[in-house]
């Protein structure tokens, strides 16, 4: 007769598996997110009055995307992942900064040209 306390299927075996963490590049992801935020706000920069406000809102994420993009690019050479995200963040950041500088230059040129005009219309 069998013992009622004994497991009829035998003893359970516990198998432990170690999980290998995939390498990641947080700086590249941060650059990508900040670049997307900067371009979403940066597309409004050429609009005359509203764009002035949006330039200040978009400029900080663009500069941060550039900084994090360069750091993420250096990390991607070591870790082997995140190069595309870092490059995309860099491109979007530089694009918004160039758009801000170009729009500001055009506004300054237009303001200087309109204030220096001495022609009197209808005289």
C-alpha atoms as a PDB file:
ATOM      1  CA  UNK A   1       0.000   0.000   0.000  1.00  0.00           C
ATOM      2  CA  UNK A   2       1.214   3.465  -0.764  1.00  0.00           C
ATOM      3  CA  UNK A   3       1.705   6.219   1.721  1.00  0.00           C
ATOM      4  CA  UNK A   4      -1.125   8.835   1.437  1.00  0.00           C
ATOM      5  CA  UNK A   5       1.310  11.676   2.083  1.00  0.00           C
ATOM      6  CA  UNK A   6       3.548  10.717  -0.789  1.00  0.00           C
ATOM      7  CA  UNK A   7       3.045  12.536  -4.100  1.00  0.00           C
ATOM      8  CA  UNK A   8       2.000   9.949  -6.707  1.00  0.00           C
ATOM      9  CA  UNK A   9       3.711  11.896  -9.509  1.00  0.00           C
ATOM     10  CA  UNK A  10       7.070  12.155  -7.868  1.00  0.00           C
ATOM     11  CA  UNK A  11       8.934  15.209  -6.749  1.00  0.00           C
ATOM     12  CA  UNK A  12       8.536  18.488  -8.666  1.00  0.00           C
ATOM     13  CA  UNK A  13      11.682  19.888 -10.162  1.00  0.00           C
ATOM     14  CA  UNK A  14      12.226  23.637 -10.121  1.00  0.00           C
ATOM     15  CA  UNK A  15      14.152  25.071 -13.039  1.00  0.00           C
ATOM     16  CA  UNK A  16      15.713  28.497 -12.677  1.00  0.00           C
ATOM     17  CA  UNK A  17      16.419  30.498 -15.779  1.00  0.00           C
ATOM     18  CA  UNK A  18      18.459  33.629 -15.851  1.00  0.00           C
ATOM     19  CA  UNK A  19      17.056  36.436 -17.936  1.00  0.00           C
ATOM     20  CA  UNK A  20      19.549  38.309 -20.046  1.00  0.00           C
ATOM     21  CA  UNK A  21      18.759  42.008 -20.205  1.00  0.00           C
ATOM     22  CA  UNK A  22      18.875  43.407 -23.697  1.00  0.00           C
ATOM     23  CA  UNK A  23      21.227  46.373 -24.089  1.00  0.00           C
ATOM     24  CA  UNK A  24      19.526  49.735 -24.350  1.00  0.00           C
ATOM     25  CA  UNK A  25      20.524  53.315 -24.984  1.00  0.00           C
ATOM     26  CA  UNK A  26      18.448  55.686 -22.882  1.00  0.00           C
ATOM     27  CA  UNK A  27      20.229  58.770 -24.185  1.00  0.00           C
ATOM     28  CA  UNK A  28      19.278  57.918 -27.765  1.00  0.00           C
ATOM     29  CA  UNK A  29      15.646  57.404 -26.780  1.00  0.00           C
ATOM     30  CA  UNK A  30      15.658  60.717 -24.895  1.00  0.00           C
ATOM     31  CA  UNK A  31      17.149  62.501 -27.911  1.00  0.00           C
ATOM     32  CA  UNK A  32      14.495  61.004 -30.166  1.00  0.00           C
ATOM     33  CA  UNK A  33      11.622  62.039 -27.876  1.00  0.00           C
ATOM     34  CA  UNK A  34      12.986  65.565 -27.399  1.00  0.00           C
ATOM     35  CA  UNK A  35      13.565  65.893 -31.150  1.00  0.00           C
ATOM     36  CA  UNK A  36       9.963  64.917 -31.845  1.00  0.00           C
ATOM     37  CA  UNK A  37       8.689  67.393 -29.232  1.00  0.00           C
ATOM     38  CA  UNK A  38      10.893  70.129 -30.711  1.00  0.00           C
ATOM     39  CA  UNK A  39       9.694  69.555 -34.286  1.00  0.00           C
ATOM     40  CA  UNK A  40       6.037  69.459 -33.232  1.00  0.00           C
ATOM     41  CA  UNK A  41       6.394  72.889 -31.651  1.00  0.00           C
ATOM     42  CA  UNK A  42       8.956  74.067 -34.212  1.00  0.00           C
ATOM     43  CA  UNK A  43       6.690  73.776 -37.244  1.00  0.00           C
ATOM     44  CA  UNK A  44       4.766  76.783 -35.928  1.00  0.00           C
ATOM     45  CA  UNK A  45       7.841  79.063 -35.821  1.00  0.00           C
ATOM     46  CA  UNK A  46       7.373  80.742 -39.262  1.00  0.00           C
ATOM     47  CA  UNK A  47       3.907  82.064 -38.279  1.00  0.00           C
ATOM     48  CA  UNK A  48       4.504  85.747 -37.427  1.00  0.00           C
ATOM     49  CA  UNK A  49       3.127  86.369 -33.916  1.00  0.00           C
ATOM     50  CA  UNK A  50       2.371  82.852 -32.705  1.00  0.00           C
ATOM     51  CA  UNK A  51       5.757  81.677 -33.967  1.00  0.00           C
ATOM     52  CA  UNK A  52       7.624  84.002 -31.640  1.00  0.00           C
ATOM     53  CA  UNK A  53       6.091  82.243 -28.653  1.00  0.00           C
ATOM     54  CA  UNK A  54       6.621  78.818 -30.190  1.00  0.00           C
ATOM     55  CA  UNK A  55      10.274  79.577 -30.871  1.00  0.00           C
ATOM     56  CA  UNK A  56      10.918  79.872 -27.149  1.00  0.00           C
ATOM     57  CA  UNK A  57       8.930  76.689 -26.471  1.00  0.00           C
ATOM     58  CA  UNK A  58      10.695  74.655 -29.184  1.00  0.00           C
ATOM     59  CA  UNK A  59      14.239  75.922 -28.714  1.00  0.00           C
ATOM     60  CA  UNK A  60      14.984  74.234 -25.365  1.00  0.00           C
ATOM     61  CA  UNK A  61      13.893  70.717 -26.419  1.00  0.00           C
ATOM     62  CA  UNK A  62      15.844  71.162 -29.657  1.00  0.00           C
ATOM     63  CA  UNK A  63      19.059  72.045 -27.836  1.00  0.00           C
ATOM     64  CA  UNK A  64      18.532  69.184 -25.381  1.00  0.00           C
ATOM     65  CA  UNK A  65      17.885  66.796 -28.292  1.00  0.00           C
ATOM     66  CA  UNK A  66      21.213  67.835 -29.787  1.00  0.00           C
ATOM     67  CA  UNK A  67      23.078  67.287 -26.509  1.00  0.00           C
ATOM     68  CA  UNK A  68      21.424  63.938 -25.755  1.00  0.00           C
ATOM     69  CA  UNK A  69      21.833  62.904 -29.393  1.00  0.00           C
ATOM     70  CA  UNK A  70      25.592  63.367 -29.298  1.00  0.00           C
ATOM     71  CA  UNK A  71      25.859  61.482 -26.002  1.00  0.00           C
ATOM     72  CA  UNK A  72      23.562  58.749 -27.330  1.00  0.00           C
ATOM     73  CA  UNK A  73      25.648  58.469 -30.489  1.00  0.00           C
ATOM     74  CA  UNK A  74      28.758  57.922 -28.387  1.00  0.00           C
ATOM     75  CA  UNK A  75      26.904  55.332 -26.272  1.00  0.00           C
ATOM     76  CA  UNK A  76      25.672  53.541 -29.392  1.00  0.00           C
ATOM     77  CA  UNK A  77      29.232  52.930 -30.499  1.00  0.00           C
ATOM     78  CA  UNK A  78      29.841  51.160 -27.189  1.00  0.00           C
ATOM     79  CA  UNK A  79      26.499  49.378 -26.690  1.00  0.00           C
ATOM     80  CA  UNK A  80      25.694  48.724 -30.332  1.00  0.00           C
ATOM     81  CA  UNK A  81      22.082  49.929 -30.116  1.00  0.00           C
ATOM     82  CA  UNK A  82      20.336  53.269 -30.464  1.00  0.00           C
ATOM     83  CA  UNK A  83      22.257  54.778 -33.348  1.00  0.00           C
ATOM     84  CA  UNK A  84      19.121  55.479 -35.386  1.00  0.00           C
ATOM     85  CA  UNK A  85      17.287  57.151 -32.512  1.00  0.00           C
ATOM     86  CA  UNK A  86      20.296  59.285 -31.647  1.00  0.00           C
ATOM     87  CA  UNK A  87      20.758  60.376 -35.271  1.00  0.00           C
ATOM     88  CA  UNK A  88      17.061  61.170 -35.655  1.00  0.00           C
ATOM     89  CA  UNK A  89      17.114  63.258 -32.462  1.00  0.00           C
ATOM     90  CA  UNK A  90      20.193  65.100 -33.723  1.00  0.00           C
ATOM     91  CA  UNK A  91      18.681  65.832 -37.121  1.00  0.00           C
ATOM     92  CA  UNK A  92      15.376  67.059 -35.661  1.00  0.00           C
ATOM     93  CA  UNK A  93      17.159  69.173 -33.062  1.00  0.00           C
ATOM     94  CA  UNK A  94      19.465  70.804 -35.603  1.00  0.00           C
ATOM     95  CA  UNK A  95      16.513  71.344 -37.957  1.00  0.00           C
ATOM     96  CA  UNK A  96      14.516  73.245 -35.324  1.00  0.00           C
ATOM     97  CA  UNK A  97      17.547  75.326 -34.286  1.00  0.00           C
ATOM     98  CA  UNK A  98      18.233  76.212 -37.938  1.00  0.00           C
ATOM     99  CA  UNK A  99      14.565  77.077 -38.449  1.00  0.00           C
ATOM    100  CA  UNK A 100      14.630  79.313 -35.370  1.00  0.00           C
ATOM    101  CA  UNK A 101      17.793  81.120 -36.430  1.00  0.00           C
ATOM    102  CA  UNK A 102      16.632  81.511 -40.041  1.00  0.00           C
ATOM    103  CA  UNK A 103      13.207  82.835 -39.065  1.00  0.00           C
ATOM    104  CA  UNK A 104      14.738  85.263 -36.575  1.00  0.00           C
ATOM    105  CA  UNK A 105      17.135  86.539 -39.232  1.00  0.00           C
ATOM    106  CA  UNK A 106      14.275  87.065 -41.694  1.00  0.00           C
ATOM    107  CA  UNK A 107      12.233  88.930 -39.080  1.00  0.00           C
ATOM    108  CA  UNK A 108      15.192  91.189 -38.262  1.00  0.00           C
ATOM    109  CA  UNK A 109      15.835  91.893 -41.950  1.00  0.00           C
ATOM    110  CA  UNK A 110      12.158  92.665 -42.521  1.00  0.00           C
ATOM    111  CA  UNK A 111      12.032  94.955 -39.475  1.00  0.00           C
ATOM    112  CA  UNK A 112      15.158  96.793 -40.585  1.00  0.00           C
ATOM    113  CA  UNK A 113      13.867  97.176 -44.136  1.00  0.00           C
ATOM    114  CA  UNK A 114      10.486  98.487 -43.030  1.00  0.00           C
ATOM    115  CA  UNK A 115      11.917 101.036 -40.612  1.00  0.00           C
ATOM    116  CA  UNK A 116      14.526 102.391 -43.022  1.00  0.00           C
ATOM    117  CA  UNK A 117      12.113 103.176 -45.812  1.00  0.00           C
ATOM    118  CA  UNK A 118      11.852 106.930 -46.350  1.00  0.00           C
ATOM    119  CA  UNK A 119       9.521 106.914 -49.325  1.00  0.00           C
ATOM    120  CA  UNK A 120       6.335 108.872 -48.809  1.00  0.00           C
ATOM    121  CA  UNK A 121       3.448 107.345 -50.653  1.00  0.00           C
ATOM    122  CA  UNK A 122       0.986 109.789 -52.213  1.00  0.00           C
ATOM    123  CA  UNK A 123       3.061 112.937 -51.832  1.00  0.00           C
END
